[in-house]
Every structure is written in structure tokens, then in C-alpha cells.
Amino acid sequence: MLSPLVELILPFFLSFTVVILITMLAERFGTKIGGIAGTLPSTIVIAFLFIALNRGIPFAAHSVSIAVAEMGINVLFLVAFAALSTRSLPIILIGSFSLWTFFTALLYIADFTAILVPLVIFAVAFAVCLWYLEKHEHVASQQKIHMQYTYRKILLRGLLAGVVIAAAVSLSNLSVALSGILAMFPAIFLSTMLIAYIEHGPLFTKALAKGMIYGSPSVVAYGAAIYFLYPMTGILTGTIGAVIISVAVSLILYLFRSLLQ
């Protein structure tokens, strides 16, 4: 088991650094590519690496099954934020987080141990939310508007992610479900959507939400991969293999979306 100081400091600084790097990469593209780039696995890699080192592989595998279902709830959070983006910011935050809190509470009670049902939950949420934005809201991708991140915004985003992941690793001593939920807390989604809403308005916010929802299977692919690879190959090899699988899924999503346009 890792020391309490290591549990806090290393996950915090690694998450802080990785999130800043991905943010600087994603902000150079429009909503189509930026949404996918913004959902590349970052905090989930660090969170479950340290959870596995701290509590062992069986604990991490159980926790990641909950995290996969939580990603489906995060997709609902995104679509709620997008649907409410024509309203005031307090209404957007209250509405989207009320929905997130309600379904997260149900997930905490359910406490899944296997990954099949969480994968189904994510798949249903993904399909319904993407259909809603595509067919009901008729949201079009916007390529000519770029996310502009100041150093202050980048640092704030890194701090938010670092605190959440450090908490997820530390609280893994208390609960499997809690560590899985916190590892997938929508810190990146929240900060991205806030910046999009404040700087570019509802249309861009909806377009970015659609791009991030479309890219979300790469995170789920990482979670599903470590669920199987950690017990089979160990933590280090499993992490590397899961990253490769997740990046491959992101590339497939990008190529498939390019063919549809």
C-alpha cells in the first residue's frame, strides 16, 4: 500500500500535468476533433493506476466497472448542460448536476461488480444522448471557432482535475463505489463546457458537447480494457495495453466521423 503522502501528491501532480497537456492540444482544433481529443483517457489512467497500486487489482477491477457506468451518467450531464445552455448559468449548473447526482446516487446503491451491465448503461446513454443532439436539436459541428484558454483557465482546470483524482485515490480506502465514481467525476467536462458557454454561447456549447459525447467511448474502452488486462497481465502492462486500445478507439471514431461528413 502506498503512503498517504504519495497517494495525495503524485496523483495530483500527474493529473494536473496531463490535463493541461491535453487541454493545450484540444484547444487548437474545432469541436469535431477537439471533442474527441478532449476525451482521450487522462485522469482515469492516473486514478486507476494508483488505486490498483494502493488497493490491489481485484479492488481496481471492481471499481472500474462502476466507473464505466458513471461515464454513461457523465454523458447525461453533458447533454443536460447542452439542452439548458440557452438558460442562465445557475439554472444550467443546478439542472445538469441535479441529474448527475440523482443517477450517481442510484449507481452508488447498485454497486456493480461485473462490467457487462455498466457497458450496457453507457451504450444506452451514449446512443440516446447522441440521437437527441443530432436528430432533436439538430446540432451541427463548428470547426471555425476555437477554444481559447488563458494560463489562468488552464491552471484552474489542472487544479480541479488534480484535486478530484487525488480524492478518488485517497478515498479508495473507504469504498469501491466511491473511488469509481470520483475517478469519473466530470471535472474536465464541466470546465470545458463552462468555458464554451461563457465565451462562445449556446450553439458552440451544444456542438462541443456532441463532440465530447462522440469521443467518450475511448474512455470506456480504457476502463473495459484494464478490467480484463489488469488481472491477466498486471498493472504496468495492463495500463500500457489499455492506453493503446483507447487511442485506437479514438482514431477509429475520428476516421468514422470524417467519412460521415
C-alpha atoms as a PDB file:
ATOM      1  CA  MET A   1       0.000   0.000   0.000  1.00  0.00           C
ATOM      2  CA  LEU A   2       1.243   3.484  -0.858  1.00  0.00           C
ATOM      3  CA  SER A   3       1.966   6.045   1.838  1.00  0.00           C
ATOM      4  CA  PRO A   4      -0.757   8.683   2.434  1.00  0.00           C
ATOM      5  CA  LEU A   5       1.562  11.444   1.172  1.00  0.00           C
ATOM      6  CA  VAL A   6       2.280   9.613  -2.079  1.00  0.00           C
ATOM      7  CA  GLU A   7      -1.456   8.888  -2.509  1.00  0.00           C
ATOM      8  CA  LEU A   8      -2.155  12.618  -2.499  1.00  0.00           C
ATOM      9  CA  ILE A   9       0.829  14.278  -4.147  1.00  0.00           C
ATOM     10  CA  LEU A  10       1.655  12.038  -7.116  1.00  0.00           C
ATOM     11  CA  PRO A  11      -1.909  11.618  -8.456  1.00  0.00           C
ATOM     12  CA  PHE A  12      -2.494  15.345  -8.030  1.00  0.00           C
ATOM     13  CA  PHE A  13       0.557  16.488  -9.967  1.00  0.00           C
ATOM     14  CA  LEU A  14       0.279  13.807 -12.654  1.00  0.00           C
ATOM     15  CA  SER A  15      -3.396  14.648 -13.261  1.00  0.00           C
ATOM     16  CA  PHE A  16      -2.598  18.348 -13.208  1.00  0.00           C
ATOM     17  CA  THR A  17       0.130  17.914 -15.851  1.00  0.00           C
ATOM     18  CA  VAL A  18      -1.736  15.503 -18.140  1.00  0.00           C
ATOM     19  CA  VAL A  19      -4.927  17.575 -18.179  1.00  0.00           C
ATOM     20  CA  ILE A  20      -3.029  20.747 -19.047  1.00  0.00           C
ATOM     21  CA  LEU A  21      -1.220  18.995 -21.923  1.00  0.00           C
ATOM     22  CA  ILE A  22      -4.455  17.562 -23.355  1.00  0.00           C
ATOM     23  CA  THR A  23      -6.191  20.933 -22.962  1.00  0.00           C
ATOM     24  CA  MET A  24      -3.470  22.713 -24.922  1.00  0.00           C
ATOM     25  CA  LEU A  25      -3.730  20.058 -27.635  1.00  0.00           C
ATOM     26  CA  ALA A  26      -7.525  20.083 -27.872  1.00  0.00           C
ATOM     27  CA  GLU A  27      -7.903  23.866 -27.971  1.00  0.00           C
ATOM     28  CA  ARG A  28      -6.118  24.046 -31.328  1.00  0.00           C
ATOM     29  CA  PHE A  29      -8.955  22.211 -33.088  1.00  0.00           C
ATOM     30  CA  GLY A  30     -12.652  22.802 -33.726  1.00  0.00           C
ATOM     31  CA  THR A  31     -15.456  20.994 -31.952  1.00  0.00           C
ATOM     32  CA  LYS A  32     -15.271  17.882 -34.151  1.00  0.00           C
ATOM     33  CA  ILE A  33     -11.641  16.983 -33.446  1.00  0.00           C
ATOM     34  CA  GLY A  34     -11.408  18.883 -30.172  1.00  0.00           C
ATOM     35  CA  GLY A  35     -14.273  16.931 -28.662  1.00  0.00           C
ATOM     36  CA  ILE A  36     -12.577  13.620 -29.416  1.00  0.00           C
ATOM     37  CA  ALA A  37      -9.136  14.862 -28.350  1.00  0.00           C
ATOM     38  CA  GLY A  38     -10.654  16.187 -25.125  1.00  0.00           C
ATOM     39  CA  THR A  39     -11.989  12.744 -24.226  1.00  0.00           C
ATOM     40  CA  LEU A  40      -8.711  10.873 -24.598  1.00  0.00           C
ATOM     41  CA  PRO A  41      -8.085   8.997 -21.326  1.00  0.00           C
ATOM     42  CA  SER A  42      -6.176  11.188 -18.917  1.00  0.00           C
ATOM     43  CA  THR A  43      -7.385  11.311 -15.333  1.00  0.00           C
ATOM     44  CA  ILE A  44      -8.824   7.771 -15.492  1.00  0.00           C
ATOM     45  CA  VAL A  45      -5.354   6.401 -16.305  1.00  0.00           C
ATOM     46  CA  ILE A  46      -3.785   8.018 -13.271  1.00  0.00           C
ATOM     47  CA  ALA A  47      -6.699   7.318 -10.936  1.00  0.00           C
ATOM     48  CA  PHE A  48      -6.850   3.573 -11.565  1.00  0.00           C
ATOM     49  CA  LEU A  49      -3.098   3.153 -11.754  1.00  0.00           C
ATOM     50  CA  PHE A  50      -2.812   4.449  -8.206  1.00  0.00           C
ATOM     51  CA  ILE A  51      -5.977   2.712  -6.988  1.00  0.00           C
ATOM     52  CA  ALA A  52      -4.561  -0.602  -8.241  1.00  0.00           C
ATOM     53  CA  LEU A  53      -1.179   0.056  -6.635  1.00  0.00           C
ATOM     54  CA  ASN A  54      -2.821   1.092  -3.383  1.00  0.00           C
ATOM     55  CA  ARG A  55      -5.649  -1.436  -3.022  1.00  0.00           C
ATOM     56  CA  GLY A  56      -4.771  -4.204  -5.441  1.00  0.00           C
ATOM     57  CA  ILE A  57      -6.033  -5.434  -8.808  1.00  0.00           C
ATOM     58  CA  PRO A  58      -9.366  -7.008  -7.674  1.00  0.00           C
ATOM     59  CA  PHE A  59     -10.370  -3.750  -5.971  1.00  0.00           C
ATOM     60  CA  ALA A  60      -9.440  -1.708  -9.080  1.00  0.00           C
ATOM     61  CA  ALA A  61     -11.340  -4.064 -11.394  1.00  0.00           C
ATOM     62  CA  HIS A  62     -14.469  -3.803  -9.237  1.00  0.00           C
ATOM     63  CA  SER A  63     -14.140  -0.027  -9.044  1.00  0.00           C
ATOM     64  CA  VAL A  64     -13.641   0.422 -12.791  1.00  0.00           C
ATOM     65  CA  SER A  65     -16.885  -1.420 -13.540  1.00  0.00           C
ATOM     66  CA  ILE A  66     -18.665   1.319 -11.581  1.00  0.00           C
ATOM     67  CA  ALA A  67     -16.625   3.989 -13.377  1.00  0.00           C
ATOM     68  CA  VAL A  68     -17.797   2.700 -16.773  1.00  0.00           C
ATOM     69  CA  ALA A  69     -21.431   3.143 -15.723  1.00  0.00           C
ATOM     70  CA  GLU A  70     -20.545   6.557 -14.312  1.00  0.00           C
ATOM     71  CA  MET A  71     -19.297   7.578 -17.739  1.00  0.00           C
ATOM     72  CA  GLY A  72     -22.828   6.992 -19.028  1.00  0.00           C
ATOM     73  CA  ILE A  73     -24.072   9.385 -16.354  1.00  0.00           C
ATOM     74  CA  ASN A  74     -21.421  11.905 -17.392  1.00  0.00           C
ATOM     75  CA  VAL A  75     -22.806  11.732 -20.928  1.00  0.00           C
ATOM     76  CA  LEU A  76     -26.228  12.606 -19.481  1.00  0.00           C
ATOM     77  CA  PHE A  77     -24.561  15.506 -17.669  1.00  0.00           C
ATOM     78  CA  LEU A  78     -23.187  16.779 -20.979  1.00  0.00           C
ATOM     79  CA  VAL A  79     -26.497  16.582 -22.810  1.00  0.00           C
ATOM     80  CA  ALA A  80     -28.310  18.266 -19.909  1.00  0.00           C
ATOM     81  CA  PHE A  81     -25.769  21.095 -19.906  1.00  0.00           C
ATOM     82  CA  ALA A  82     -26.195  21.455 -23.678  1.00  0.00           C
ATOM     83  CA  ALA A  83     -30.007  21.338 -23.528  1.00  0.00           C
ATOM     84  CA  LEU A  84     -30.055  24.051 -20.848  1.00  0.00           C
ATOM     85  CA  SER A  85     -27.371  26.208 -22.496  1.00  0.00           C
ATOM     86  CA  THR A  86     -29.918  28.838 -23.586  1.00  0.00           C
ATOM     87  CA  ARG A  87     -30.731  29.492 -19.916  1.00  0.00           C
ATOM     88  CA  SER A  88     -28.766  31.303 -17.215  1.00  0.00           C
ATOM     89  CA  LEU A  89     -25.632  29.694 -15.770  1.00  0.00           C
ATOM     90  CA  PRO A  90     -27.159  28.942 -12.322  1.00  0.00           C
ATOM     91  CA  ILE A  91     -30.065  27.087 -13.973  1.00  0.00           C
ATOM     92  CA  ILE A  92     -27.643  25.154 -16.197  1.00  0.00           C
ATOM     93  CA  LEU A  93     -25.497  24.068 -13.251  1.00  0.00           C
ATOM     94  CA  ILE A  94     -28.414  23.207 -10.964  1.00  0.00           C
ATOM     95  CA  GLY A  95     -30.190  21.253 -13.701  1.00  0.00           C
ATOM     96  CA  SER A  96     -27.197  19.304 -15.003  1.00  0.00           C
ATOM     97  CA  PHE A  97     -25.768  18.480 -11.577  1.00  0.00           C
ATOM     98  CA  SER A  98     -29.185  17.518 -10.187  1.00  0.00           C
ATOM     99  CA  LEU A  99     -29.473  14.956 -12.974  1.00  0.00           C
ATOM    100  CA  TRP A 100     -25.888  13.778 -12.381  1.00  0.00           C
ATOM    101  CA  THR A 101     -26.408  13.498  -8.615  1.00  0.00           C
ATOM    102  CA  PHE A 102     -29.673  11.556  -8.940  1.00  0.00           C
ATOM    103  CA  PHE A 103     -28.285   8.885 -11.260  1.00  0.00           C
ATOM    104  CA  THR A 104     -24.949   8.744  -9.423  1.00  0.00           C
ATOM    105  CA  ALA A 105     -26.819   8.012  -6.172  1.00  0.00           C
ATOM    106  CA  LEU A 106     -28.615   5.138  -7.896  1.00  0.00           C
ATOM    107  CA  LEU A 107     -25.276   3.870  -9.194  1.00  0.00           C
ATOM    108  CA  TYR A 108     -23.738   4.043  -5.727  1.00  0.00           C
ATOM    109  CA  ILE A 109     -26.588   1.950  -4.355  1.00  0.00           C
ATOM    110  CA  ALA A 110     -26.345  -0.574  -7.200  1.00  0.00           C
ATOM    111  CA  ASP A 111     -22.563  -1.050  -6.721  1.00  0.00           C
ATOM    112  CA  PHE A 112     -21.948  -3.215  -9.796  1.00  0.00           C
ATOM    113  CA  THR A 113     -19.229  -5.861  -9.551  1.00  0.00           C
ATOM    114  CA  ALA A 114     -19.211  -7.054 -13.180  1.00  0.00           C
ATOM    115  CA  ILE A 115     -18.733  -4.851 -16.216  1.00  0.00           C
ATOM    116  CA  LEU A 116     -21.467  -6.081 -18.588  1.00  0.00           C
ATOM    117  CA  VAL A 117     -24.356  -4.068 -17.132  1.00  0.00           C
ATOM    118  CA  PRO A 118     -22.254  -0.863 -16.855  1.00  0.00           C
ATOM    119  CA  LEU A 119     -21.286  -1.253 -20.527  1.00  0.00           C
ATOM    120  CA  VAL A 120     -24.970  -1.546 -21.451  1.00  0.00           C
ATOM    121  CA  ILE A 121     -25.789   1.526 -19.338  1.00  0.00           C
ATOM    122  CA  PHE A 122     -23.116   3.529 -21.110  1.00  0.00           C
ATOM    123  CA  ALA A 123     -24.164   2.291 -24.571  1.00  0.00           C
ATOM    124  CA  VAL A 124     -27.806   3.275 -23.987  1.00  0.00           C
ATOM    125  CA  ALA A 125     -26.878   6.708 -22.602  1.00  0.00           C
ATOM    126  CA  PHE A 126     -24.438   7.278 -25.472  1.00  0.00           C
ATOM    127  CA  ALA A 127     -26.968   6.348 -28.169  1.00  0.00           C
ATOM    128  CA  VAL A 128     -29.880   8.305 -26.669  1.00  0.00           C
ATOM    129  CA  CYS A 129     -27.851  11.464 -25.991  1.00  0.00           C
ATOM    130  CA  LEU A 130     -26.180  11.476 -29.395  1.00  0.00           C
ATOM    131  CA  TRP A 131     -29.561  10.903 -31.067  1.00  0.00           C
ATOM    132  CA  TYR A 132     -31.048  13.786 -29.064  1.00  0.00           C
ATOM    133  CA  LEU A 133     -28.384  16.266 -30.144  1.00  0.00           C
ATOM    134  CA  GLU A 134     -28.258  15.025 -33.741  1.00  0.00           C
ATOM    135  CA  LYS A 135     -31.940  14.479 -34.530  1.00  0.00           C
ATOM    136  CA  HIS A 136     -33.876  16.542 -31.998  1.00  0.00           C
ATOM    137  CA  GLU A 137     -31.599  19.552 -31.501  1.00  0.00           C
ATOM    138  CA  HIS A 138     -30.021  19.303 -34.995  1.00  0.00           C
ATOM    139  CA  VAL A 139     -26.656  20.327 -33.580  1.00  0.00           C
ATOM    140  CA  ALA A 140     -24.005  20.870 -36.248  1.00  0.00           C
ATOM    141  CA  SER A 141     -20.258  20.683 -35.632  1.00  0.00           C
ATOM    142  CA  GLN A 142     -18.455  24.013 -35.628  1.00  0.00           C
ATOM    143  CA  GLN A 143     -14.927  23.979 -36.950  1.00  0.00           C
ATOM    144  CA  LYS A 144     -14.111  27.665 -37.269  1.00  0.00           C
ATOM    145  CA  ILE A 145     -14.407  28.609 -33.603  1.00  0.00           C
ATOM    146  CA  HIS A 146     -11.522  27.669 -31.369  1.00  0.00           C
ATOM    147  CA  MET A 147     -11.432  27.280 -27.617  1.00  0.00           C
ATOM    148  CA  GLN A 148      -9.202  29.964 -26.147  1.00  0.00           C
ATOM    149  CA  TYR A 149      -7.526  29.018 -22.885  1.00  0.00           C
ATOM    150  CA  THR A 150      -5.623  31.597 -20.843  1.00  0.00           C
ATOM    151  CA  TYR A 151      -2.950  30.417 -18.436  1.00  0.00           C
ATOM    152  CA  ARG A 152      -5.369  31.099 -15.596  1.00  0.00           C
ATOM    153  CA  LYS A 153      -8.050  28.857 -17.124  1.00  0.00           C
ATOM    154  CA  ILE A 154      -5.558  26.090 -17.854  1.00  0.00           C
ATOM    155  CA  LEU A 155      -4.218  26.185 -14.304  1.00  0.00           C
ATOM    156  CA  LEU A 156      -7.752  26.179 -12.883  1.00  0.00           C
ATOM    157  CA  ARG A 157      -8.668  23.151 -14.971  1.00  0.00           C
ATOM    158  CA  GLY A 158      -5.494  21.317 -13.893  1.00  0.00           C
ATOM    159  CA  LEU A 159      -6.160  22.115 -10.235  1.00  0.00           C
ATOM    160  CA  LEU A 160      -9.757  20.894 -10.485  1.00  0.00           C
ATOM    161  CA  ALA A 161      -8.717  17.608 -12.075  1.00  0.00           C
ATOM    162  CA  GLY A 162      -5.804  17.124  -9.675  1.00  0.00           C
ATOM    163  CA  VAL A 163      -7.947  17.588  -6.570  1.00  0.00           C
ATOM    164  CA  VAL A 164     -10.654  15.217  -7.829  1.00  0.00           C
ATOM    165  CA  ILE A 165      -8.226  12.425  -8.746  1.00  0.00           C
ATOM    166  CA  ALA A 166      -6.213  12.777  -5.543  1.00  0.00           C
ATOM    167  CA  ALA A 167      -9.510  12.481  -3.638  1.00  0.00           C
ATOM    168  CA  ALA A 168     -10.533   9.418  -5.659  1.00  0.00           C
ATOM    169  CA  VAL A 169      -7.275   7.635  -4.858  1.00  0.00           C
ATOM    170  CA  SER A 170      -7.325   8.613  -1.182  1.00  0.00           C
ATOM    171  CA  LEU A 171     -10.982   7.657  -0.664  1.00  0.00           C
ATOM    172  CA  SER A 172     -10.426   4.255  -2.242  1.00  0.00           C
ATOM    173  CA  ASN A 173      -9.633   3.204   1.331  1.00  0.00           C
ATOM    174  CA  LEU A 174     -13.288   3.829   2.211  1.00  0.00           C
ATOM    175  CA  SER A 175     -15.362   2.472  -0.658  1.00  0.00           C
ATOM    176  CA  VAL A 176     -15.017   0.709  -4.000  1.00  0.00           C
ATOM    177  CA  ALA A 177     -18.048   2.521  -5.403  1.00  0.00           C
ATOM    178  CA  LEU A 178     -16.903   5.920  -4.166  1.00  0.00           C
ATOM    179  CA  SER A 179     -13.467   5.578  -5.751  1.00  0.00           C
ATOM    180  CA  GLY A 180     -15.018   4.557  -9.082  1.00  0.00           C
ATOM    181  CA  ILE A 181     -17.466   7.458  -9.029  1.00  0.00           C
ATOM    182  CA  LEU A 182     -14.868  10.064  -8.064  1.00  0.00           C
ATOM    183  CA  ALA A 183     -12.414   8.756 -10.655  1.00  0.00           C
ATOM    184  CA  MET A 184     -15.023   9.663 -13.291  1.00  0.00           C
ATOM    185  CA  PHE A 185     -16.259  12.927 -11.764  1.00  0.00           C
ATOM    186  CA  PRO A 186     -16.911  15.209 -14.787  1.00  0.00           C
ATOM    187  CA  ALA A 187     -14.244  17.756 -13.885  1.00  0.00           C
ATOM    188  CA  ILE A 188     -12.923  18.003 -17.459  1.00  0.00           C
ATOM    189  CA  PHE A 189     -16.412  18.089 -18.956  1.00  0.00           C
ATOM    190  CA  LEU A 190     -17.518  20.787 -16.509  1.00  0.00           C
ATOM    191  CA  SER A 191     -14.564  23.100 -17.070  1.00  0.00           C
ATOM    192  CA  THR A 192     -14.742  22.662 -20.852  1.00  0.00           C
ATOM    193  CA  MET A 193     -18.466  23.359 -21.023  1.00  0.00           C
ATOM    194  CA  LEU A 194     -18.191  26.388 -18.747  1.00  0.00           C
ATOM    195  CA  ILE A 195     -15.520  27.937 -20.956  1.00  0.00           C
ATOM    196  CA  ALA A 196     -17.525  27.153 -24.104  1.00  0.00           C
ATOM    197  CA  TYR A 197     -20.735  28.612 -22.649  1.00  0.00           C
ATOM    198  CA  ILE A 198     -19.171  31.794 -21.273  1.00  0.00           C
ATOM    199  CA  GLU A 199     -17.021  32.579 -24.302  1.00  0.00           C
ATOM    200  CA  HIS A 200     -18.983  31.231 -27.288  1.00  0.00           C
ATOM    201  CA  GLY A 201     -22.619  30.774 -26.324  1.00  0.00           C
ATOM    202  CA  PRO A 202     -25.212  28.008 -26.691  1.00  0.00           C
ATOM    203  CA  LEU A 203     -24.548  26.876 -30.278  1.00  0.00           C
ATOM    204  CA  PHE A 204     -20.879  26.214 -29.684  1.00  0.00           C
ATOM    205  CA  THR A 205     -21.619  24.655 -26.290  1.00  0.00           C
ATOM    206  CA  LYS A 206     -24.031  22.168 -27.873  1.00  0.00           C
ATOM    207  CA  ALA A 207     -21.593  21.369 -30.676  1.00  0.00           C
ATOM    208  CA  LEU A 208     -18.750  20.748 -28.239  1.00  0.00           C
ATOM    209  CA  ALA A 209     -20.993  18.575 -26.057  1.00  0.00           C
ATOM    210  CA  LYS A 210     -21.833  16.461 -29.090  1.00  0.00           C
ATOM    211  CA  GLY A 211     -18.138  16.106 -29.939  1.00  0.00           C
ATOM    212  CA  MET A 212     -17.254  15.051 -26.393  1.00  0.00           C
ATOM    213  CA  ILE A 213     -20.119  12.560 -26.239  1.00  0.00           C
ATOM    214  CA  TYR A 214     -18.975  11.109 -29.549  1.00  0.00           C
ATOM    215  CA  GLY A 215     -15.439  10.729 -28.190  1.00  0.00           C
ATOM    216  CA  SER A 216     -16.490   9.232 -24.835  1.00  0.00           C
ATOM    217  CA  PRO A 217     -16.209   5.554 -25.934  1.00  0.00           C
ATOM    218  CA  SER A 218     -12.423   5.920 -25.820  1.00  0.00           C
ATOM    219  CA  VAL A 219     -12.563   6.435 -22.042  1.00  0.00           C
ATOM    220  CA  VAL A 220     -14.951   3.499 -21.642  1.00  0.00           C
ATOM    221  CA  ALA A 221     -12.656   1.385 -23.812  1.00  0.00           C
ATOM    222  CA  TYR A 222      -9.802   2.174 -21.420  1.00  0.00           C
ATOM    223  CA  GLY A 223     -11.896   1.178 -18.413  1.00  0.00           C
ATOM    224  CA  ALA A 224     -13.073  -2.050 -20.014  1.00  0.00           C
ATOM    225  CA  ALA A 225      -9.515  -2.865 -21.092  1.00  0.00           C
ATOM    226  CA  ILE A 226      -7.988  -2.555 -17.614  1.00  0.00           C
ATOM    227  CA  TYR A 227     -10.914  -4.555 -16.179  1.00  0.00           C
ATOM    228  CA  PHE A 228      -9.656  -7.525 -18.200  1.00  0.00           C
ATOM    229  CA  LEU A 229      -5.948  -6.704 -18.634  1.00  0.00           C
ATOM    230  CA  TYR A 230      -5.026  -5.930 -15.016  1.00  0.00           C
ATOM    231  CA  PRO A 231      -5.858  -9.454 -13.780  1.00  0.00           C
ATOM    232  CA  MET A 232      -4.317 -11.044 -16.891  1.00  0.00           C
ATOM    233  CA  THR A 233      -1.114  -9.063 -17.396  1.00  0.00           C
ATOM    234  CA  GLY A 234      -0.522  -6.944 -14.296  1.00  0.00           C
ATOM    235  CA  ILE A 235      -0.783  -3.230 -13.627  1.00  0.00           C
ATOM    236  CA  LEU A 236       2.021  -1.799 -15.807  1.00  0.00           C
ATOM    237  CA  THR A 237       1.435  -3.955 -18.891  1.00  0.00           C
ATOM    238  CA  GLY A 238      -2.320  -3.622 -18.457  1.00  0.00           C
ATOM    239  CA  THR A 239      -2.081   0.166 -18.317  1.00  0.00           C
ATOM    240  CA  ILE A 240       0.051   0.352 -21.463  1.00  0.00           C
ATOM    241  CA  GLY A 241      -2.218  -2.061 -23.319  1.00  0.00           C
ATOM    242  CA  ALA A 242      -5.347  -0.171 -22.254  1.00  0.00           C
ATOM    243  CA  VAL A 243      -3.890   3.154 -23.405  1.00  0.00           C
ATOM    244  CA  ILE A 244      -3.100   1.643 -26.813  1.00  0.00           C
ATOM    245  CA  ILE A 245      -6.633   0.253 -27.108  1.00  0.00           C
ATOM    246  CA  SER A 246      -8.183   3.547 -26.071  1.00  0.00           C
ATOM    247  CA  VAL A 247      -6.133   5.604 -28.533  1.00  0.00           C
ATOM    248  CA  ALA A 248      -7.029   3.116 -31.292  1.00  0.00           C
ATOM    249  CA  VAL A 249     -10.728   3.603 -30.464  1.00  0.00           C
ATOM    250  CA  SER A 250     -10.263   7.383 -30.665  1.00  0.00           C
ATOM    251  CA  LEU A 251      -8.636   7.077 -34.089  1.00  0.00           C
ATOM    252  CA  ILE A 252     -11.451   4.826 -35.333  1.00  0.00           C
ATOM    253  CA  LEU A 253     -14.049   7.306 -34.066  1.00  0.00           C
ATOM    254  CA  TYR A 254     -12.276  10.175 -35.786  1.00  0.00           C
ATOM    255  CA  LEU A 255     -11.937   8.318 -39.097  1.00  0.00           C
ATOM    256  CA  PHE A 256     -15.555   7.153 -38.983  1.00  0.00           C
ATOM    257  CA  ARG A 257     -16.800  10.659 -38.292  1.00  0.00           C
ATOM    258  CA  SER A 258     -14.664  12.052 -41.101  1.00  0.00           C
ATOM    259  CA  LEU A 259     -16.247   9.598 -43.541  1.00  0.00           C
ATOM    260  CA  LEU A 260     -19.741  10.680 -42.489  1.00  0.00           C
ATOM    261  CA  GLN A 261     -19.101  14.373 -43.117  1.00  0.00           C
END
